[in-house]
ModelCIF file with pLDDT and N, C-alpha, C, O atoms, coordinates in Angstrom:
data_MODEL
#
_entry.id   MODEL 
#
_entity.id                         1 
_entity.type                       polymer 
_entity.pdbx_number_of_molecules   1 
#
_entity_poly.entity_id                      1 
_entity_poly.type                           'polypeptide(L)' 
_entity_poly.nstd_linkage                   no 
_entity_poly.nstd_monomer                   no 
_entity_poly.pdbx_seq_one_letter_code       KSVHGDYDELLKDADVMHHCLYDTSFPVNKKEKVRFNKTLQELGC 
_entity_poly.pdbx_seq_one_letter_code_can   KSVHGDYDELLKDADVMHHCLYDTSFPVNKKEKVRFNKTLQELGC 
_entity_poly.pdbx_strand_id                 A 
#
loop_
_entity_poly_seq.entity_id 
_entity_poly_seq.num 
_entity_poly_seq.mon_id 
_entity_poly_seq.hetero 
1 1  LYS n 
1 2  SER n 
1 3  VAL n 
1 4  HIS n 
1 5  GLY n 
1 6  ASP n 
1 7  TYR n 
1 8  ASP n 
1 9  GLU n 
1 10 LEU n 
1 11 LEU n 
1 12 LYS n 
1 13 ASP n 
1 14 ALA n 
1 15 ASP n 
1 16 VAL n 
1 17 MET n 
1 18 HIS n 
1 19 HIS n 
1 20 CYS n 
1 21 LEU n 
1 22 TYR n 
1 23 ASP n 
1 24 THR n 
1 25 SER n 
1 26 PHE n 
1 27 PRO n 
1 28 VAL n 
1 29 ASN n 
1 30 LYS n 
1 31 LYS n 
1 32 GLU n 
1 33 LYS n 
1 34 VAL n 
1 35 ARG n 
1 36 PHE n 
1 37 ASN n 
1 38 LYS n 
1 39 THR n 
1 40 LEU n 
1 41 GLN n 
1 42 GLU n 
1 43 LEU n 
1 44 GLY n 
1 45 CYS n 
#
_struct_asym.id          A 
_struct_asym.entity_id   1 
#
loop_
_ma_qa_metric.id 
_ma_qa_metric.mode 
_ma_qa_metric.name 
_ma_qa_metric.software_group_id 
_ma_qa_metric.type 
1 global pLDDT . pLDDT 
2 local  pLDDT . pLDDT 
#
_ma_qa_metric_global.metric_id      1 
_ma_qa_metric_global.metric_value   92.73 
_ma_qa_metric_global.model_id       1 
_ma_qa_metric_global.ordinal_id     1 
#
loop_
_ma_qa_metric_local.label_asym_id 
_ma_qa_metric_local.label_comp_id 
_ma_qa_metric_local.label_seq_id 
_ma_qa_metric_local.metric_id 
_ma_qa_metric_local.metric_value 
_ma_qa_metric_local.model_id 
_ma_qa_metric_local.ordinal_id 
A LYS 1  2 89.00 1 1  
A SER 2  2 89.00 1 2  
A VAL 3  2 90.00 1 3  
A HIS 4  2 95.00 1 4  
A GLY 5  2 96.00 1 5  
A ASP 6  2 98.00 1 6  
A TYR 7  2 98.00 1 7  
A ASP 8  2 97.00 1 8  
A GLU 9  2 97.00 1 9  
A LEU 10 2 98.00 1 10 
A LEU 11 2 97.00 1 11 
A LYS 12 2 97.00 1 12 
A ASP 13 2 97.00 1 13 
A ALA 14 2 97.00 1 14 
A ASP 15 2 96.00 1 15 
A VAL 16 2 96.00 1 16 
A MET 17 2 96.00 1 17 
A HIS 18 2 95.00 1 18 
A HIS 19 2 92.00 1 19 
A CYS 20 2 93.00 1 20 
A LEU 21 2 92.00 1 21 
A TYR 22 2 87.00 1 22 
A ASP 23 2 84.00 1 23 
A THR 24 2 86.00 1 24 
A SER 25 2 85.00 1 25 
A PHE 26 2 86.00 1 26 
A PRO 27 2 87.00 1 27 
A VAL 28 2 89.00 1 28 
A ASN 29 2 88.00 1 29 
A LYS 30 2 89.00 1 30 
A LYS 31 2 89.00 1 31 
A GLU 32 2 92.00 1 32 
A LYS 33 2 92.00 1 33 
A VAL 34 2 92.00 1 34 
A ARG 35 2 95.00 1 35 
A PHE 36 2 94.00 1 36 
A ASN 37 2 93.00 1 37 
A LYS 38 2 95.00 1 38 
A THR 39 2 95.00 1 39 
A LEU 40 2 94.00 1 40 
A GLN 41 2 94.00 1 41 
A GLU 42 2 94.00 1 42 
A LEU 43 2 94.00 1 43 
A GLY 44 2 92.00 1 44 
A CYS 45 2 92.00 1 45 
#
loop_
_atom_site.group_PDB 
_atom_site.id 
_atom_site.type_symbol 
_atom_site.label_atom_id 
_atom_site.label_alt_id 
_atom_site.label_comp_id 
_atom_site.label_asym_id 
_atom_site.label_entity_id 
_atom_site.label_seq_id 
_atom_site.pdbx_PDB_ins_code 
_atom_site.Cartn_x 
_atom_site.Cartn_y 
_atom_site.Cartn_z 
_atom_site.occupancy 
_atom_site.B_iso_or_equiv 
_atom_site.pdbx_formal_charge 
_atom_site.auth_seq_id 
_atom_site.auth_comp_id 
_atom_site.auth_asym_id 
_atom_site.auth_atom_id 
_atom_site.pdbx_PDB_model_num 
ATOM 1   N N  . LYS A 1 1  ? 41.398 -19.840 31.619 1.00 89.00 ? 1  LYS A N  1 
ATOM 2   C CA . LYS A 1 1  ? 42.690 -20.254 30.778 1.00 89.00 ? 1  LYS A CA 1 
ATOM 3   C C  . LYS A 1 1  ? 43.219 -21.755 31.397 1.00 89.00 ? 1  LYS A C  1 
ATOM 4   O O  . LYS A 1 1  ? 44.212 -22.341 30.967 1.00 89.00 ? 1  LYS A O  1 
ATOM 5   N N  . SER A 1 2  ? 42.456 -22.184 32.353 1.00 89.00 ? 2  SER A N  1 
ATOM 6   C CA . SER A 1 2  ? 42.549 -23.431 32.755 1.00 89.00 ? 2  SER A CA 1 
ATOM 7   C C  . SER A 1 2  ? 41.618 -24.156 32.403 1.00 89.00 ? 2  SER A C  1 
ATOM 8   O O  . SER A 1 2  ? 40.471 -23.806 32.127 1.00 89.00 ? 2  SER A O  1 
ATOM 9   N N  . VAL A 1 3  ? 42.388 -25.957 32.390 1.00 90.00 ? 3  VAL A N  1 
ATOM 10  C CA . VAL A 1 3  ? 41.252 -26.180 31.908 1.00 90.00 ? 3  VAL A CA 1 
ATOM 11  C C  . VAL A 1 3  ? 40.957 -27.510 32.880 1.00 90.00 ? 3  VAL A C  1 
ATOM 12  O O  . VAL A 1 3  ? 41.747 -28.417 32.617 1.00 90.00 ? 3  VAL A O  1 
ATOM 13  N N  . HIS A 1 4  ? 40.173 -27.783 33.756 1.00 95.00 ? 4  HIS A N  1 
ATOM 14  C CA . HIS A 1 4  ? 39.678 -28.438 34.817 1.00 95.00 ? 4  HIS A CA 1 
ATOM 15  C C  . HIS A 1 4  ? 37.857 -29.656 33.981 1.00 95.00 ? 4  HIS A C  1 
ATOM 16  O O  . HIS A 1 4  ? 37.124 -29.832 33.008 1.00 95.00 ? 4  HIS A O  1 
ATOM 17  N N  . GLY A 1 5  ? 38.281 -30.208 35.862 1.00 96.00 ? 5  GLY A N  1 
ATOM 18  C CA . GLY A 1 5  ? 36.981 -31.531 35.187 1.00 96.00 ? 5  GLY A CA 1 
ATOM 19  C C  . GLY A 1 5  ? 35.965 -30.711 34.990 1.00 96.00 ? 5  GLY A C  1 
ATOM 20  O O  . GLY A 1 5  ? 36.000 -29.480 34.983 1.00 96.00 ? 5  GLY A O  1 
ATOM 21  N N  . ASP A 1 6  ? 34.176 -32.086 34.672 1.00 98.00 ? 6  ASP A N  1 
ATOM 22  C CA . ASP A 1 6  ? 33.571 -31.328 33.897 1.00 98.00 ? 6  ASP A CA 1 
ATOM 23  C C  . ASP A 1 6  ? 33.026 -30.100 34.969 1.00 98.00 ? 6  ASP A C  1 
ATOM 24  O O  . ASP A 1 6  ? 33.145 -28.918 34.645 1.00 98.00 ? 6  ASP A O  1 
ATOM 25  N N  . TYR A 1 7  ? 32.528 -30.430 36.037 1.00 98.00 ? 7  TYR A N  1 
ATOM 26  C CA . TYR A 1 7  ? 31.489 -28.425 36.274 1.00 98.00 ? 7  TYR A CA 1 
ATOM 27  C C  . TYR A 1 7  ? 32.577 -27.722 36.934 1.00 98.00 ? 7  TYR A C  1 
ATOM 28  O O  . TYR A 1 7  ? 32.548 -26.496 37.042 1.00 98.00 ? 7  TYR A O  1 
ATOM 29  N N  . ASP A 1 8  ? 33.479 -28.386 37.357 1.00 97.00 ? 8  ASP A N  1 
ATOM 30  C CA . ASP A 1 8  ? 34.687 -27.122 36.833 1.00 97.00 ? 8  ASP A CA 1 
ATOM 31  C C  . ASP A 1 8  ? 34.712 -26.162 35.362 1.00 97.00 ? 8  ASP A C  1 
ATOM 32  O O  . ASP A 1 8  ? 34.610 -24.942 35.237 1.00 97.00 ? 8  ASP A O  1 
ATOM 33  N N  . GLU A 1 9  ? 34.825 -26.840 34.711 1.00 97.00 ? 9  GLU A N  1 
ATOM 34  C CA . GLU A 1 9  ? 33.906 -26.094 32.443 1.00 97.00 ? 9  GLU A CA 1 
ATOM 35  C C  . GLU A 1 9  ? 32.916 -25.650 32.905 1.00 97.00 ? 9  GLU A C  1 
ATOM 36  O O  . GLU A 1 9  ? 32.747 -24.431 32.868 1.00 97.00 ? 9  GLU A O  1 
ATOM 37  N N  . LEU A 1 10 ? 31.965 -26.484 33.477 1.00 98.00 ? 10 LEU A N  1 
ATOM 38  C CA . LEU A 1 10 ? 31.101 -26.556 33.537 1.00 98.00 ? 10 LEU A CA 1 
ATOM 39  C C  . LEU A 1 10 ? 30.537 -24.714 34.352 1.00 98.00 ? 10 LEU A C  1 
ATOM 40  O O  . LEU A 1 10 ? 29.825 -23.764 34.027 1.00 98.00 ? 10 LEU A O  1 
ATOM 41  N N  . LEU A 1 11 ? 31.255 -25.049 35.294 1.00 97.00 ? 11 LEU A N  1 
ATOM 42  C CA . LEU A 1 11 ? 30.613 -23.638 35.799 1.00 97.00 ? 11 LEU A CA 1 
ATOM 43  C C  . LEU A 1 11 ? 30.867 -23.006 35.497 1.00 97.00 ? 11 LEU A C  1 
ATOM 44  O O  . LEU A 1 11 ? 29.882 -22.312 35.242 1.00 97.00 ? 11 LEU A O  1 
ATOM 45  N N  . LYS A 1 12 ? 32.651 -22.024 34.943 1.00 97.00 ? 12 LYS A N  1 
ATOM 46  C CA . LYS A 1 12 ? 33.936 -21.499 33.366 1.00 97.00 ? 12 LYS A CA 1 
ATOM 47  C C  . LYS A 1 12 ? 32.146 -21.497 32.497 1.00 97.00 ? 12 LYS A C  1 
ATOM 48  O O  . LYS A 1 12 ? 31.600 -20.492 32.042 1.00 97.00 ? 12 LYS A O  1 
ATOM 49  N N  . ASP A 1 13 ? 31.937 -22.019 32.494 1.00 97.00 ? 13 ASP A N  1 
ATOM 50  C CA . ASP A 1 13 ? 31.424 -21.973 31.138 1.00 97.00 ? 13 ASP A CA 1 
ATOM 51  C C  . ASP A 1 13 ? 30.421 -21.025 31.484 1.00 97.00 ? 13 ASP A C  1 
ATOM 52  O O  . ASP A 1 13 ? 30.047 -20.155 30.696 1.00 97.00 ? 13 ASP A O  1 
ATOM 53  N N  . ALA A 1 14 ? 30.010 -21.152 32.540 1.00 97.00 ? 14 ALA A N  1 
ATOM 54  C CA . ALA A 1 14 ? 27.852 -20.818 32.583 1.00 97.00 ? 14 ALA A CA 1 
ATOM 55  C C  . ALA A 1 14 ? 28.269 -19.574 33.485 1.00 97.00 ? 14 ALA A C  1 
ATOM 56  O O  . ALA A 1 14 ? 27.613 -18.571 33.207 1.00 97.00 ? 14 ALA A O  1 
ATOM 57  N N  . ASP A 1 15 ? 29.735 -19.306 35.071 1.00 96.00 ? 15 ASP A N  1 
ATOM 58  C CA . ASP A 1 15 ? 29.558 -17.643 34.156 1.00 96.00 ? 15 ASP A CA 1 
ATOM 59  C C  . ASP A 1 15 ? 30.104 -16.077 33.293 1.00 96.00 ? 15 ASP A C  1 
ATOM 60  O O  . ASP A 1 15 ? 30.145 -14.847 33.283 1.00 96.00 ? 15 ASP A O  1 
ATOM 61  N N  . VAL A 1 16 ? 30.219 -16.516 33.072 1.00 96.00 ? 16 VAL A N  1 
ATOM 62  C CA . VAL A 1 16 ? 31.032 -16.442 31.120 1.00 96.00 ? 16 VAL A CA 1 
ATOM 63  C C  . VAL A 1 16 ? 29.647 -16.011 30.276 1.00 96.00 ? 16 VAL A C  1 
ATOM 64  O O  . VAL A 1 16 ? 29.555 -14.898 29.757 1.00 96.00 ? 16 VAL A O  1 
ATOM 65  N N  . MET A 1 17 ? 28.544 -17.048 30.193 1.00 96.00 ? 17 MET A N  1 
ATOM 66  C CA . MET A 1 17 ? 27.476 -16.584 29.786 1.00 96.00 ? 17 MET A CA 1 
ATOM 67  C C  . MET A 1 17 ? 26.538 -16.189 30.358 1.00 96.00 ? 17 MET A C  1 
ATOM 68  O O  . MET A 1 17 ? 25.322 -16.331 30.231 1.00 96.00 ? 17 MET A O  1 
ATOM 69  N N  . HIS A 1 18 ? 27.412 -15.481 31.257 1.00 95.00 ? 18 HIS A N  1 
ATOM 70  C CA . HIS A 1 18 ? 26.203 -15.165 31.700 1.00 95.00 ? 18 HIS A CA 1 
ATOM 71  C C  . HIS A 1 18 ? 26.288 -13.100 32.625 1.00 95.00 ? 18 HIS A C  1 
ATOM 72  O O  . HIS A 1 18 ? 25.523 -12.228 33.039 1.00 95.00 ? 18 HIS A O  1 
ATOM 73  N N  . HIS A 1 19 ? 28.336 -13.484 32.393 1.00 92.00 ? 19 HIS A N  1 
ATOM 74  C CA . HIS A 1 19 ? 28.876 -12.980 32.577 1.00 92.00 ? 19 HIS A CA 1 
ATOM 75  C C  . HIS A 1 19 ? 28.137 -12.013 30.624 1.00 92.00 ? 19 HIS A C  1 
ATOM 76  O O  . HIS A 1 19 ? 27.359 -11.059 30.647 1.00 92.00 ? 19 HIS A O  1 
ATOM 77  N N  . CYS A 1 20 ? 28.550 -12.487 29.621 1.00 93.00 ? 20 CYS A N  1 
ATOM 78  C CA . CYS A 1 20 ? 27.936 -11.911 27.957 1.00 93.00 ? 20 CYS A CA 1 
ATOM 79  C C  . CYS A 1 20 ? 25.981 -11.601 28.182 1.00 93.00 ? 20 CYS A C  1 
ATOM 80  O O  . CYS A 1 20 ? 25.814 -10.631 27.441 1.00 93.00 ? 20 CYS A O  1 
ATOM 81  N N  . LEU A 1 21 ? 25.442 -11.733 28.419 1.00 92.00 ? 21 LEU A N  1 
ATOM 82  C CA . LEU A 1 21 ? 24.538 -12.134 28.109 1.00 92.00 ? 21 LEU A CA 1 
ATOM 83  C C  . LEU A 1 21 ? 23.696 -11.663 29.564 1.00 92.00 ? 21 LEU A C  1 
ATOM 84  O O  . LEU A 1 21 ? 22.671 -12.298 29.816 1.00 92.00 ? 21 LEU A O  1 
ATOM 85  N N  . TYR A 1 22 ? 24.094 -10.625 30.464 1.00 87.00 ? 22 TYR A N  1 
ATOM 86  C CA . TYR A 1 22 ? 23.572 -9.792  31.378 1.00 87.00 ? 22 TYR A CA 1 
ATOM 87  C C  . TYR A 1 22 ? 23.157 -8.381  30.220 1.00 87.00 ? 22 TYR A C  1 
ATOM 88  O O  . TYR A 1 22 ? 22.134 -7.974  30.771 1.00 87.00 ? 22 TYR A O  1 
ATOM 89  N N  . ASP A 1 23 ? 23.293 -7.782  29.423 1.00 84.00 ? 23 ASP A N  1 
ATOM 90  C CA . ASP A 1 23 ? 23.515 -6.865  28.529 1.00 84.00 ? 23 ASP A CA 1 
ATOM 91  C C  . ASP A 1 23 ? 23.833 -7.171  27.416 1.00 84.00 ? 23 ASP A C  1 
ATOM 92  O O  . ASP A 1 23 ? 24.976 -6.851  27.089 1.00 84.00 ? 23 ASP A O  1 
ATOM 93  N N  . THR A 1 24 ? 23.099 -7.794  26.546 1.00 86.00 ? 24 THR A N  1 
ATOM 94  C CA . THR A 1 24 ? 24.044 -8.548  24.848 1.00 86.00 ? 24 THR A CA 1 
ATOM 95  C C  . THR A 1 24 ? 24.283 -6.934  24.104 1.00 86.00 ? 24 THR A C  1 
ATOM 96  O O  . THR A 1 24 ? 24.809 -6.915  22.991 1.00 86.00 ? 24 THR A O  1 
ATOM 97  N N  . SER A 1 25 ? 23.825 -5.440  24.845 1.00 85.00 ? 25 SER A N  1 
ATOM 98  C CA . SER A 1 25 ? 24.318 -4.291  23.957 1.00 85.00 ? 25 SER A CA 1 
ATOM 99  C C  . SER A 1 25 ? 25.636 -4.271  24.514 1.00 85.00 ? 25 SER A C  1 
ATOM 100 O O  . SER A 1 25 ? 26.417 -3.411  24.105 1.00 85.00 ? 25 SER A O  1 
ATOM 101 N N  . PHE A 1 26 ? 26.095 -5.305  25.613 1.00 86.00 ? 26 PHE A N  1 
ATOM 102 C CA . PHE A 1 26 ? 28.018 -4.522  26.083 1.00 86.00 ? 26 PHE A CA 1 
ATOM 103 C C  . PHE A 1 26 ? 29.095 -5.169  25.256 1.00 86.00 ? 26 PHE A C  1 
ATOM 104 O O  . PHE A 1 26 ? 28.962 -6.309  24.812 1.00 86.00 ? 26 PHE A O  1 
ATOM 105 N N  . PRO A 1 27 ? 30.094 -4.477  25.068 1.00 87.00 ? 27 PRO A N  1 
ATOM 106 C CA . PRO A 1 27 ? 30.156 -5.697  23.852 1.00 87.00 ? 27 PRO A CA 1 
ATOM 107 C C  . PRO A 1 27 ? 31.072 -6.851  25.171 1.00 87.00 ? 27 PRO A C  1 
ATOM 108 O O  . PRO A 1 27 ? 31.380 -6.701  26.353 1.00 87.00 ? 27 PRO A O  1 
ATOM 109 N N  . VAL A 1 28 ? 31.277 -8.241  23.908 1.00 89.00 ? 28 VAL A N  1 
ATOM 110 C CA . VAL A 1 28 ? 31.875 -9.068  25.137 1.00 89.00 ? 28 VAL A CA 1 
ATOM 111 C C  . VAL A 1 28 ? 33.449 -9.507  25.865 1.00 89.00 ? 28 VAL A C  1 
ATOM 112 O O  . VAL A 1 28 ? 34.391 -10.242 25.570 1.00 89.00 ? 28 VAL A O  1 
ATOM 113 N N  . ASN A 1 29 ? 33.246 -8.993  26.478 1.00 88.00 ? 29 ASN A N  1 
ATOM 114 C CA . ASN A 1 29 ? 34.587 -9.431  26.913 1.00 88.00 ? 29 ASN A CA 1 
ATOM 115 C C  . ASN A 1 29 ? 36.148 -9.803  26.217 1.00 88.00 ? 29 ASN A C  1 
ATOM 116 O O  . ASN A 1 29 ? 35.677 -10.385 25.240 1.00 88.00 ? 29 ASN A O  1 
ATOM 117 N N  . LYS A 1 30 ? 36.678 -9.836  26.140 1.00 89.00 ? 30 LYS A N  1 
ATOM 118 C CA . LYS A 1 30 ? 38.715 -9.901  24.858 1.00 89.00 ? 30 LYS A CA 1 
ATOM 119 C C  . LYS A 1 30 ? 38.316 -11.614 25.415 1.00 89.00 ? 30 LYS A C  1 
ATOM 120 O O  . LYS A 1 30 ? 37.954 -12.537 24.685 1.00 89.00 ? 30 LYS A O  1 
ATOM 121 N N  . LYS A 1 31 ? 38.554 -11.657 27.173 1.00 89.00 ? 31 LYS A N  1 
ATOM 122 C CA . LYS A 1 31 ? 39.083 -12.571 27.422 1.00 89.00 ? 31 LYS A CA 1 
ATOM 123 C C  . LYS A 1 31 ? 37.970 -13.864 27.685 1.00 89.00 ? 31 LYS A C  1 
ATOM 124 O O  . LYS A 1 31 ? 38.559 -14.880 28.056 1.00 89.00 ? 31 LYS A O  1 
ATOM 125 N N  . GLU A 1 32 ? 36.846 -13.984 27.595 1.00 92.00 ? 32 GLU A N  1 
ATOM 126 C CA . GLU A 1 32 ? 35.716 -14.553 28.006 1.00 92.00 ? 32 GLU A CA 1 
ATOM 127 C C  . GLU A 1 32 ? 35.226 -14.351 26.068 1.00 92.00 ? 32 GLU A C  1 
ATOM 128 O O  . GLU A 1 32 ? 34.057 -14.417 25.688 1.00 92.00 ? 32 GLU A O  1 
ATOM 129 N N  . LYS A 1 33 ? 36.262 -14.143 25.252 1.00 92.00 ? 33 LYS A N  1 
ATOM 130 C CA . LYS A 1 33 ? 34.624 -14.189 23.867 1.00 92.00 ? 33 LYS A CA 1 
ATOM 131 C C  . LYS A 1 33 ? 35.086 -15.870 22.925 1.00 92.00 ? 33 LYS A C  1 
ATOM 132 O O  . LYS A 1 33 ? 34.335 -16.264 22.033 1.00 92.00 ? 33 LYS A O  1 
ATOM 133 N N  . VAL A 1 34 ? 36.010 -16.449 23.199 1.00 92.00 ? 34 VAL A N  1 
ATOM 134 C CA . VAL A 1 34 ? 36.776 -18.108 23.440 1.00 92.00 ? 34 VAL A CA 1 
ATOM 135 C C  . VAL A 1 34 ? 35.475 -18.475 23.549 1.00 92.00 ? 34 VAL A C  1 
ATOM 136 O O  . VAL A 1 34 ? 34.666 -18.574 22.626 1.00 92.00 ? 34 VAL A O  1 
ATOM 137 N N  . ARG A 1 35 ? 35.219 -18.759 25.191 1.00 95.00 ? 35 ARG A N  1 
ATOM 138 C CA . ARG A 1 35 ? 34.444 -19.240 25.898 1.00 95.00 ? 35 ARG A CA 1 
ATOM 139 C C  . ARG A 1 35 ? 33.597 -19.191 25.965 1.00 95.00 ? 35 ARG A C  1 
ATOM 140 O O  . ARG A 1 35 ? 33.159 -20.205 26.507 1.00 95.00 ? 35 ARG A O  1 
ATOM 141 N N  . PHE A 1 36 ? 32.757 -18.407 25.674 1.00 94.00 ? 36 PHE A N  1 
ATOM 142 C CA . PHE A 1 36 ? 31.713 -17.765 25.409 1.00 94.00 ? 36 PHE A CA 1 
ATOM 143 C C  . PHE A 1 36 ? 30.827 -18.576 23.648 1.00 94.00 ? 36 PHE A C  1 
ATOM 144 O O  . PHE A 1 36 ? 29.831 -19.282 23.492 1.00 94.00 ? 36 PHE A O  1 
ATOM 145 N N  . ASN A 1 37 ? 31.687 -18.075 22.824 1.00 93.00 ? 37 ASN A N  1 
ATOM 146 C CA . ASN A 1 37 ? 31.221 -18.502 20.780 1.00 93.00 ? 37 ASN A CA 1 
ATOM 147 C C  . ASN A 1 37 ? 31.343 -19.985 21.321 1.00 93.00 ? 37 ASN A C  1 
ATOM 148 O O  . ASN A 1 37 ? 30.296 -20.547 20.997 1.00 93.00 ? 37 ASN A O  1 
ATOM 149 N N  . LYS A 1 38 ? 32.711 -21.448 22.459 1.00 95.00 ? 38 LYS A N  1 
ATOM 150 C CA . LYS A 1 38 ? 32.043 -22.080 21.974 1.00 95.00 ? 38 LYS A CA 1 
ATOM 151 C C  . LYS A 1 38 ? 31.398 -23.358 22.994 1.00 95.00 ? 38 LYS A C  1 
ATOM 152 O O  . LYS A 1 38 ? 31.416 -24.589 23.008 1.00 95.00 ? 38 LYS A O  1 
ATOM 153 N N  . THR A 1 39 ? 30.749 -22.082 23.934 1.00 95.00 ? 39 THR A N  1 
ATOM 154 C CA . THR A 1 39 ? 29.483 -23.029 24.412 1.00 95.00 ? 39 THR A CA 1 
ATOM 155 C C  . THR A 1 39 ? 28.294 -21.927 23.685 1.00 95.00 ? 39 THR A C  1 
ATOM 156 O O  . THR A 1 39 ? 27.196 -21.603 24.137 1.00 95.00 ? 39 THR A O  1 
ATOM 157 N N  . LEU A 1 40 ? 28.682 -21.683 22.944 1.00 94.00 ? 40 LEU A N  1 
ATOM 158 C CA . LEU A 1 40 ? 27.212 -20.827 21.747 1.00 94.00 ? 40 LEU A CA 1 
ATOM 159 C C  . LEU A 1 40 ? 26.799 -21.803 20.610 1.00 94.00 ? 40 LEU A C  1 
ATOM 160 O O  . LEU A 1 40 ? 25.713 -22.093 20.108 1.00 94.00 ? 40 LEU A O  1 
ATOM 161 N N  . GLN A 1 41 ? 28.353 -22.281 20.350 1.00 94.00 ? 41 GLN A N  1 
ATOM 162 C CA . GLN A 1 41 ? 28.402 -23.497 19.051 1.00 94.00 ? 41 GLN A CA 1 
ATOM 163 C C  . GLN A 1 41 ? 27.332 -24.864 20.390 1.00 94.00 ? 41 GLN A C  1 
ATOM 164 O O  . GLN A 1 41 ? 26.315 -25.553 20.308 1.00 94.00 ? 41 GLN A O  1 
ATOM 165 N N  . GLU A 1 42 ? 28.047 -24.671 21.099 1.00 94.00 ? 42 GLU A N  1 
ATOM 166 C CA . GLU A 1 42 ? 27.384 -25.779 22.530 1.00 94.00 ? 42 GLU A CA 1 
ATOM 167 C C  . GLU A 1 42 ? 25.972 -26.074 22.134 1.00 94.00 ? 42 GLU A C  1 
ATOM 168 O O  . GLU A 1 42 ? 25.616 -27.131 21.614 1.00 94.00 ? 42 GLU A O  1 
ATOM 169 N N  . LEU A 1 43 ? 25.227 -25.106 22.407 1.00 94.00 ? 43 LEU A N  1 
ATOM 170 C CA . LEU A 1 43 ? 24.183 -25.265 22.743 1.00 94.00 ? 43 LEU A CA 1 
ATOM 171 C C  . LEU A 1 43 ? 23.467 -24.678 21.375 1.00 94.00 ? 43 LEU A C  1 
ATOM 172 O O  . LEU A 1 43 ? 22.304 -24.317 21.196 1.00 94.00 ? 43 LEU A O  1 
ATOM 173 N N  . GLY A 1 44 ? 24.832 -24.726 20.291 1.00 92.00 ? 44 GLY A N  1 
ATOM 174 C CA . GLY A 1 44 ? 23.253 -24.806 18.660 1.00 92.00 ? 44 GLY A CA 1 
ATOM 175 C C  . GLY A 1 44 ? 22.711 -23.137 18.976 1.00 92.00 ? 44 GLY A C  1 
ATOM 176 O O  . GLY A 1 44 ? 21.518 -22.850 19.069 1.00 92.00 ? 44 GLY A O  1 
ATOM 177 N N  . CYS A 1 45 ? 23.567 -22.374 19.083 1.00 92.00 ? 45 CYS A N  1 
ATOM 178 C CA . CYS A 1 45 ? 22.877 -20.709 18.999 1.00 92.00 ? 45 CYS A CA 1 
ATOM 179 C C  . CYS A 1 45 ? 24.054 -20.464 17.813 1.00 92.00 ? 45 CYS A C  1 
ATOM 180 O O  . CYS A 1 45 ? 24.149 -19.371 17.255 1.00 92.00 ? 45 CYS A O  1 
#
């Protein structure tokens, strides 16, 4: 929920991406949904 430096944010986003894409049949964790969607938008997905 906090915003830090570039590599800190990159690692948080990557961690969330893996959590959410490990099994796409699982619902996205509510705590990770905003970060996940923002990263998907960034990647053009």
